[in-house]
Protein backbone atom coordinates (compact mmCIF):
# COMPACT_ATOMS: atom_id res chain seq x y z
CA MET A 1 0.04 0.11 -0.19
CA PHE A 2 3.02 2.31 0.78
CA THR A 3 6.67 2.59 0.80
CA SER A 4 7.87 5.05 3.08
CA LEU A 5 8.71 4.31 6.56
CA THR A 6 10.80 6.86 7.57
CA ALA A 7 8.95 10.19 8.33
CA LEU A 8 10.80 13.24 8.81
CA ALA A 9 9.83 16.50 10.81
CA ALA A 10 8.55 19.55 8.95
CA THR A 11 11.86 21.28 10.57
CA SER A 12 13.51 18.95 8.26
CA LEU A 13 14.48 19.34 4.02
CA VAL A 14 12.55 17.79 1.46
CA ALA A 15 14.31 18.65 -1.65
CA GLY A 16 12.42 19.05 -5.17
CA PRO A 17 13.42 20.27 -8.53
CA ALA A 18 12.04 24.11 -9.45
CA VAL A 19 9.44 24.62 -12.13
CA ALA A 20 10.44 26.49 -15.00
CA GLU A 21 8.08 29.44 -13.52
CA SER A 22 10.19 31.69 -11.87
CA VAL A 23 10.84 35.77 -11.03
CA ALA A 24 12.87 38.12 -12.40
CA GLU A 25 12.74 40.95 -10.43
CA PRO A 26 16.26 42.22 -8.85
CA CYS A 27 15.09 42.13 -5.51
CA ALA A 28 13.73 38.24 -5.66
CA LEU A 29 15.81 36.21 -3.67
CA ARG A 30 17.25 32.98 -4.54
CA ARG A 31 15.75 29.85 -3.45
CA THR A 32 18.49 28.20 -1.57
CA ALA A 33 18.95 24.70 0.13
CA ALA A 34 17.74 25.83 3.38
CA HIS A 35 14.23 24.11 4.82
CA HIS A 36 11.51 26.20 3.65
CA SER A 37 13.82 28.39 2.18
CA GLU A 38 12.45 32.09 1.91
CA GLY A 39 13.99 32.67 -1.75
CA LEU A 40 11.24 32.96 -4.20
CA ASP A 41 13.09 33.29 -7.57
CA THR A 42 11.55 29.74 -8.24
CA TRP A 43 9.24 27.69 -6.76
CA ASN A 44 10.03 23.83 -5.22
CA ALA A 45 7.73 21.68 -7.07
CA ALA A 46 7.75 18.98 -4.38
CA TYR A 47 5.19 21.09 -2.69
CA PRO A 48 1.90 21.89 -3.91
CA ARG A 49 1.39 25.75 -5.09
CA PRO A 50 -2.06 27.10 -3.76
CA ALA A 51 -2.77 29.20 -6.96
CA ARG A 52 -6.14 26.94 -7.55
CA THR A 53 -8.45 25.29 -5.77
CA LEU A 54 -7.08 22.23 -3.71
CA ASP A 55 -8.66 19.50 -2.20
CA ALA A 56 -7.85 18.48 1.93
CA VAL A 57 -8.79 15.04 3.27
CA MET A 58 -9.79 15.35 7.03
CA VAL A 59 -9.61 11.48 8.33
CA PHE A 60 -10.68 11.26 12.03
CA LEU A 61 -8.60 9.03 14.23
CA SER A 62 -9.92 6.98 17.14
CA PHE A 63 -8.55 4.45 19.53
CA PRO A 64 -9.57 1.38 21.15
CA ASP A 65 -8.70 2.84 24.87
CA SER A 66 -11.17 5.65 24.72
CA PRO A 67 -14.48 5.86 22.93
CA PRO A 68 -14.69 9.41 21.45
CA LEU A 69 -16.60 12.23 23.39
CA THR A 70 -17.31 14.22 19.99
CA THR A 71 -18.29 13.61 16.78
CA PRO A 72 -16.25 14.25 13.47
CA GLU A 73 -18.50 16.73 12.59
CA GLU A 74 -17.66 18.64 15.69
CA LEU A 75 -14.09 18.54 14.89
CA ALA A 76 -14.20 19.43 11.21
CA ALA A 77 -16.25 22.44 12.24
CA ASP A 78 -13.27 23.65 14.78
CA HIS A 79 -11.20 24.06 11.52
CA PHE A 80 -13.73 24.93 8.76
CA PRO A 81 -14.71 27.16 7.46
CA VAL A 82 -12.36 29.47 9.34
CA THR A 83 -9.01 28.31 7.79
CA SER A 84 -10.70 28.35 4.46
CA ARG A 85 -11.55 31.58 5.29
CA PHE A 86 -8.00 32.81 6.18
CA PHE A 87 -6.68 31.58 2.65
CA GLU A 88 -9.59 33.04 0.88
CA GLN A 89 -8.73 36.69 2.39
CA ALA A 90 -4.76 36.16 2.52
CA SER A 91 -4.83 35.18 -1.42
CA TYR A 92 -7.40 37.96 -2.36
CA GLY A 93 -9.61 35.08 -3.58
CA LYS A 94 -7.14 33.80 -5.68
CA PHE A 95 -6.95 30.48 -3.56
CA ARG A 96 -9.12 28.33 -2.25
CA LEU A 97 -8.87 25.27 0.28
CA ARG A 98 -11.76 22.91 -0.18
CA PRO A 99 -12.16 20.56 3.00
CA HIS A 100 -13.71 17.14 2.74
CA PRO A 101 -14.28 15.75 6.09
CA GLN A 102 -15.14 12.04 6.55
CA ARG A 103 -18.01 11.37 8.57
CA GLU A 104 -16.79 8.42 10.58
CA TRP A 105 -13.98 8.03 12.87
CA VAL A 106 -11.36 5.23 11.79
CA GLN A 107 -10.07 3.60 14.57
CA MET A 108 -6.71 2.94 14.92
CA PRO A 109 -5.25 -0.49 16.06
CA ARG A 110 -3.32 0.41 19.19
CA SER A 111 -4.36 2.53 21.98
CA SER A 112 -3.61 5.93 22.13
CA LEU A 113 -1.22 5.79 24.74
CA ALA A 114 0.98 3.25 22.58
CA TYR A 115 1.99 5.45 20.28
CA ALA A 116 3.82 7.80 22.68
CA ILE A 117 2.70 11.06 21.22
CA LYS A 118 4.41 14.20 21.83
CA ARG A 119 5.88 17.30 20.24
CA ASP A 120 9.41 15.65 19.78
CA TRP A 121 8.22 12.55 18.74
CA ASN A 122 10.41 9.56 18.36
CA THR A 123 10.83 8.81 14.80
CA GLN A 124 9.91 5.03 15.49
CA ARG A 125 6.55 5.57 17.21
CA ARG A 126 5.76 8.63 14.77
CA ALA A 127 6.08 6.59 11.63
CA ALA A 128 3.96 3.85 13.17
CA TYR A 129 0.99 6.07 14.10
CA LEU A 130 1.29 6.85 10.48
CA ARG A 131 1.62 3.34 9.10
CA ASP A 132 -1.30 2.38 10.90
CA ALA A 133 -3.41 5.43 10.15
CA LEU A 134 -2.94 4.92 6.67
CA ALA A 135 -3.69 1.66 6.54
CA ALA A 136 -7.05 1.84 8.57
CA ALA A 137 -7.89 4.91 6.69
CA ASP A 138 -7.38 3.52 3.39
CA PRO A 139 -10.13 1.04 2.94
CA ARG A 140 -12.56 4.34 3.39
CA VAL A 141 -10.72 7.15 1.74
CA ASP A 142 -9.62 7.46 -1.84
CA PHE A 143 -6.52 9.14 -1.47
CA SER A 144 -5.85 10.40 -5.19
CA GLY A 145 -8.50 12.36 -4.70
CA TYR A 146 -6.73 15.05 -3.09
CA ASP A 147 -3.98 17.31 -2.63
CA ILE A 148 -3.59 17.57 1.41
CA VAL A 149 -3.87 15.03 4.10
CA TYR A 150 -5.37 15.93 7.54
CA PHE A 151 -4.98 12.92 10.30
CA VAL A 152 -7.01 14.19 12.98
CA ALA A 153 -7.11 12.51 16.32
CA ASP A 154 -9.63 12.12 18.98
CA PRO A 155 -9.20 15.09 21.45
CA ASP A 156 -10.11 13.26 24.05
CA ALA A 157 -8.34 9.95 24.37
CA PRO A 158 -5.50 10.07 27.02
CA GLY A 159 -2.34 9.86 24.96
CA VAL A 160 -3.24 12.46 22.57
CA ASP A 161 -1.00 15.27 23.14
CA SER A 162 -2.05 18.59 21.90
CA ASP A 163 1.46 20.07 21.38
CA ALA A 164 2.21 17.61 18.81
CA THR A 165 0.57 19.40 16.11
CA LYS A 166 2.78 19.07 12.89
CA VAL A 167 3.37 18.58 9.15
CA VAL A 168 5.32 15.20 8.83
CA ASN A 169 7.48 15.29 5.40
CA PHE A 170 8.74 11.81 4.08
CA ASP A 171 12.09 11.39 2.66
CA ARG A 172 10.22 8.93 0.51
CA PRO A 173 6.81 9.64 -0.32
CA MET A 174 4.15 6.88 1.46
CA ARG A 175 1.84 5.62 -1.08
CA ALA A 176 -1.78 4.78 -0.94
CA ASP A 177 -4.53 4.62 -4.29
CA GLY A 178 -1.58 4.71 -6.59
CA THR A 179 -1.10 8.39 -5.16
CA ASP A 180 2.25 9.80 -3.68
CA ILE A 181 1.58 11.06 -0.36
CA ARG A 182 4.77 13.57 0.41
CA ARG A 183 3.31 14.87 3.88
CA ILE A 184 0.64 14.63 6.24
CA VAL A 185 -0.82 17.10 8.56
CA THR A 186 -1.22 15.45 11.67
CA VAL A 187 -3.79 17.31 13.82
CA PHE A 188 -3.36 16.87 17.77
CA GLU A 189 -5.90 19.63 18.82
CA ARG A 190 -8.11 20.43 21.64
CA HIS A 191 -12.08 20.95 21.14
CA PRO A 192 -12.19 23.57 20.58
CA PRO A 193 -8.76 24.08 19.00
CA ASP A 194 -6.07 26.72 19.46
CA ARG A 195 -6.77 29.65 16.81
CA ASN A 196 -5.84 29.61 13.17
CA VAL A 197 -3.26 26.37 14.18
CA LEU A 198 -4.52 25.03 10.83
CA ALA A 199 -3.92 27.81 8.51
CA HIS A 200 -0.07 27.72 10.48
CA GLU A 201 0.13 24.00 9.43
CA THR A 202 -1.16 24.32 6.10
CA GLY A 203 1.24 27.05 5.01
CA HIS A 204 3.78 24.22 5.83
CA VAL A 205 2.21 22.31 3.29
CA PHE A 206 2.81 25.31 1.00
CA ASP A 207 6.62 25.54 1.67
CA LEU A 208 6.08 28.34 4.50
CA PRO A 209 8.66 28.19 7.50
CA ASP A 210 8.18 28.82 11.03
CA LEU A 211 9.03 32.04 11.81
CA TYR A 212 8.91 31.89 15.84
CA HIS A 213 12.12 31.45 18.10
CA ARG A 214 12.06 28.54 19.91
CA PRO A 215 14.43 28.63 22.94
CA THR A 216 16.97 26.09 23.37
CA ASP A 217 16.18 25.30 27.31
CA GLY A 218 12.27 25.61 26.84
CA GLU A 219 12.90 28.88 28.53
CA GLY A 220 11.73 32.24 27.34
CA ASP A 221 9.52 34.02 24.72
CA TRP A 222 8.84 32.13 21.78
CA ASP A 223 7.68 35.29 19.54
CA THR A 224 10.96 37.38 19.49
CA HIS A 225 11.57 37.40 15.42
CA VAL A 226 8.12 38.43 14.22
CA GLY A 227 5.63 38.89 17.23
CA ASP A 228 1.97 38.80 16.08
CA TRP A 229 2.66 40.14 12.21
CA ASP A 230 2.09 36.55 10.60
CA VAL A 231 0.51 33.31 11.25
CA MET A 232 3.76 31.58 10.66
CA GLY A 233 5.29 33.01 13.29
CA SER A 234 2.07 32.65 15.81
CA GLN A 235 -0.98 31.69 15.20
CA PHE A 236 -2.55 33.93 18.11
CA GLY A 237 -1.18 36.83 16.64
CA LEU A 238 -3.39 40.08 16.31
CA ALA A 239 -2.15 40.76 12.94
CA PRO A 240 -2.01 37.15 11.54
CA ASP A 241 -2.11 37.63 7.81
CA LEU A 242 0.70 36.55 5.79
CA PHE A 243 3.61 38.62 5.20
CA ALA A 244 3.63 40.53 1.17
CA TRP A 245 6.77 38.25 1.02
CA HIS A 246 4.78 35.03 1.41
CA LYS A 247 1.95 36.26 -0.69
CA TRP A 248 4.91 37.13 -3.59
CA LYS A 249 6.26 33.96 -3.11
CA LEU A 250 3.10 31.54 -3.15
CA GLY A 251 1.95 33.79 -6.50
CA TRP A 252 -0.91 36.01 -4.63
CA LEU A 253 1.20 39.14 -5.63
CA GLU A 254 2.35 39.58 -8.88
CA PRO A 255 5.43 41.06 -9.47
CA ARG A 256 3.70 44.54 -10.65
CA GLN A 257 2.61 45.28 -7.11
CA VAL A 258 6.29 44.67 -6.12
CA HIS A 259 8.58 47.64 -6.03
CA CYS A 260 12.06 46.91 -5.99
CA VAL A 261 13.73 49.70 -4.62
CA ALA A 262 17.40 51.12 -6.00
CA ALA A 263 19.57 53.94 -4.36
CA GLY A 264 18.54 57.43 -4.16
CA ALA A 265 15.16 58.56 -2.59
CA GLN A 266 12.06 57.46 -3.99
CA ARG A 267 8.22 57.96 -3.02
CA LEU A 268 6.12 55.22 -3.01
CA THR A 269 2.36 54.85 -2.62
CA LEU A 270 1.57 51.78 -0.70
CA GLU A 271 -1.86 50.19 -0.39
CA PRO A 272 -2.54 48.40 2.71
CA LEU A 273 -1.72 44.15 2.78
CA ALA A 274 -4.98 42.86 3.63
CA ALA A 275 -6.89 45.27 1.77
CA PRO A 276 -9.08 43.80 -1.18
CA LEU A 277 -7.85 43.68 -4.71
CA PRO A 278 -10.62 45.27 -6.77
CA ARG A 279 -11.52 43.08 -9.27
CA GLY A 280 -9.55 43.44 -12.97
CA ALA A 281 -7.66 46.60 -11.45
CA HIS A 282 -4.11 46.50 -10.74
CA GLY A 283 -4.64 46.55 -6.72
CA GLY A 284 -1.42 48.98 -6.48
CA THR A 285 1.57 48.79 -4.69
CA ARG A 286 1.77 46.08 -1.54
CA LEU A 287 5.27 45.05 -1.19
CA ALA A 288 8.67 47.44 -1.30
CA VAL A 289 11.92 45.66 -1.04
CA VAL A 290 15.47 46.67 -0.52
CA ARG A 291 17.94 43.92 -1.54
CA THR A 292 20.54 44.01 1.16
CA GLY A 293 22.72 41.06 -0.15
CA ARG A 294 22.91 38.28 -2.06
CA ASP A 295 20.46 36.05 -0.05
CA SER A 296 18.96 39.12 1.76
CA ALA A 297 16.54 41.89 1.49
CA ILE A 298 14.32 44.69 3.62
CA ALA A 299 10.54 44.56 2.71
CA LEU A 300 8.40 47.14 3.92
CA GLU A 301 4.43 47.03 3.40
CA VAL A 302 1.39 48.57 5.44
CA ARG A 303 -0.31 46.92 7.92
CA ALA A 304 -3.90 47.99 9.11
CA ALA A 305 -7.47 47.02 10.38
CA ALA A 306 -8.64 44.81 7.53
CA GLY A 307 -9.01 41.25 6.60
CA ASN A 308 -7.08 38.68 8.21
CA ASP A 309 -5.66 41.79 10.23
CA HIS A 310 -8.78 43.33 11.70
CA ALA A 311 -7.64 43.10 15.24
CA THR A 312 -4.66 44.65 14.78
CA CYS A 313 -3.57 47.05 17.60
CA THR A 314 -1.47 49.31 15.57
CA GLU A 315 -1.36 50.45 12.01
CA GLY A 316 1.91 51.94 9.93
CA VAL A 317 4.70 50.17 7.60
CA LEU A 318 6.10 47.13 8.80
CA VAL A 319 9.73 46.82 7.87
CA TYR A 320 11.13 43.38 8.41
CA GLU A 321 14.57 41.62 6.94
CA VAL A 322 14.32 38.21 5.09
CA ARG A 323 17.28 36.16 4.69
CA GLY A 324 16.78 33.54 1.95
CA GLY A 325 19.23 31.26 3.46
CA THR A 326 18.27 30.84 6.62
CA ALA A 327 16.33 27.79 7.48
CA SER A 328 12.67 27.36 8.47
CA GLY A 329 12.69 27.84 12.68
CA ASP A 330 16.06 29.53 12.68
CA GLY A 331 14.91 33.17 11.91
CA PRO A 332 14.25 33.65 8.15
CA VAL A 333 12.34 37.02 8.81
CA GLU A 334 13.04 39.48 11.59
CA VAL A 335 10.66 42.64 12.25
CA VAL A 336 12.19 45.40 12.83
CA ASP A 337 10.99 47.61 15.42
CA ALA A 338 10.86 51.14 14.80
CA HIS A 339 10.04 51.93 18.46
CA PRO A 340 12.58 49.45 20.27
CA GLU A 341 11.64 51.73 23.61
CA SER A 342 8.38 51.11 23.71
CA GLU A 343 5.62 48.13 24.15
CA SER A 344 1.76 47.95 23.02
CA CYS A 345 -1.03 45.53 23.84
CA TRP A 346 -0.70 44.05 26.61
CA GLY A 347 -2.87 41.36 27.35
CA ASP A 348 -3.55 41.23 24.00
CA SER A 349 -0.25 40.89 22.08
CA VAL A 350 1.46 37.80 21.97
CA TYR A 351 4.98 39.70 21.99
CA PRO A 352 4.29 43.25 23.14
CA GLN A 353 7.73 44.67 22.32
CA LEU A 354 6.92 44.24 18.34
CA ALA A 355 3.18 45.03 18.47
CA ASP A 356 4.24 48.94 17.71
CA ALA A 357 6.90 47.91 15.42
CA PRO A 358 5.63 50.12 12.33
CA VAL A 359 6.56 53.40 11.25
CA GLN A 360 3.46 55.22 11.99
CA THR A 361 2.74 58.38 9.92
CA GLY A 362 5.08 61.89 10.48
CA GLU A 363 7.79 59.61 11.43
CA THR A 364 11.10 58.98 9.82
CA PHE A 365 12.92 55.91 10.96
CA ARG A 366 16.78 54.30 9.69
CA VAL A 367 16.75 50.39 9.77
CA PRO A 368 19.61 49.88 11.94
CA GLY A 369 22.59 48.70 10.33
CA GLU A 370 21.55 49.71 6.97
CA ALA A 371 21.66 52.68 4.91
CA ILE A 372 18.05 53.03 4.87
CA ARG A 373 15.41 55.98 5.67
CA VAL A 374 11.72 55.17 5.99
CA GLU A 375 9.95 58.05 6.02
CA VAL A 376 6.05 57.69 6.30
CA GLU A 377 4.63 60.99 4.77
CA GLY A 378 1.08 60.69 5.07
CA ARG A 379 -2.18 58.56 4.04
CA THR A 380 -4.63 59.49 1.25
CA ALA A 381 -8.22 59.78 1.38
CA SER A 382 -8.68 56.67 -0.53
CA GLY A 383 -6.55 54.92 2.39
CA SER A 384 -3.24 54.64 0.31
CA TRP A 385 -0.06 55.23 2.25
CA THR A 386 2.63 57.69 1.15
CA VAL A 387 6.07 56.39 1.88
CA LYS A 388 9.75 57.98 1.03
CA VAL A 389 12.14 55.60 1.14
CA THR A 390 16.11 56.69 1.08
CA VAL A 391 18.68 54.08 0.35
CA GLY A 392 22.58 55.45 0.82
């Protein structure tokens, strides 16, 4: 039924050829061998690109040691339609995630405790879990009809650890119904689950990296790199819309909506990132980029209270550094704080130190360590932001 027994965690490298399509702009960083590289000059064909409707199957797994207290329908409603709406808004309607939740429980052959489920899962136990799950589900599910696979465990089973939710990639694809399965999203969430957790995990399916910082000793803050500003950093963020860089990578922003800033002073009109794209119109510039090295760039975008960012507590021009050669989880994106001496949104923000990071109207900000000055001159009646960027 399948060939692979070795599962690799989402933090491991899965190589794949680049498709012929490429982005030729001078500020498009090259894709490197780093896992989930932020380089976007080419697309890694090992991952499905969310530029069309993708179908996702949700398989609900129960265990013989614990009769379920919920129904598959209830667990499906924990994640959909909220996850589909997130991606519809983030993609400006260019991508649709279509879920296909199964209606019955699929029972695993072993007890929930037998798999020793946890965040840093033993490789052999994880492989056994996936092998058993696929074997149990295969008679009921035609996997050839789906682009994405979610295995959702009974949240009330005693051996299920909600901290273990992640995407598992394979060094060799698993196989069922004549189809290669290159990765599976293993869901161990509570009921109800963490906010936006499936949007975060599905982002990995599209080759997006983890943006949080995981303390080596387990102590400390996880949100020091990007704070609230991208769901790949925190699923609890007040402004979880994907960075404009990610929207460019995924094909939701066209090259004409990205402005590459050269040396000298340039005045730009930036549209709020989450604002809908007018049907049939250009949609305005959503991302400005200053190339700072072979594998690095400074990005600028406007974050405002709209769409997925409707709960943000601050608005302005967000500045961040992108590192194309830095692997997932190691800080491939770092938000630059325009107000390092202050904090905002205590009690709501996942990291108040970066909650007020954007440059506000009337402010001038020099990017530390770079010859880049950002001046936010004002806002237009239509909601655009006028920004002067000086390089050199």
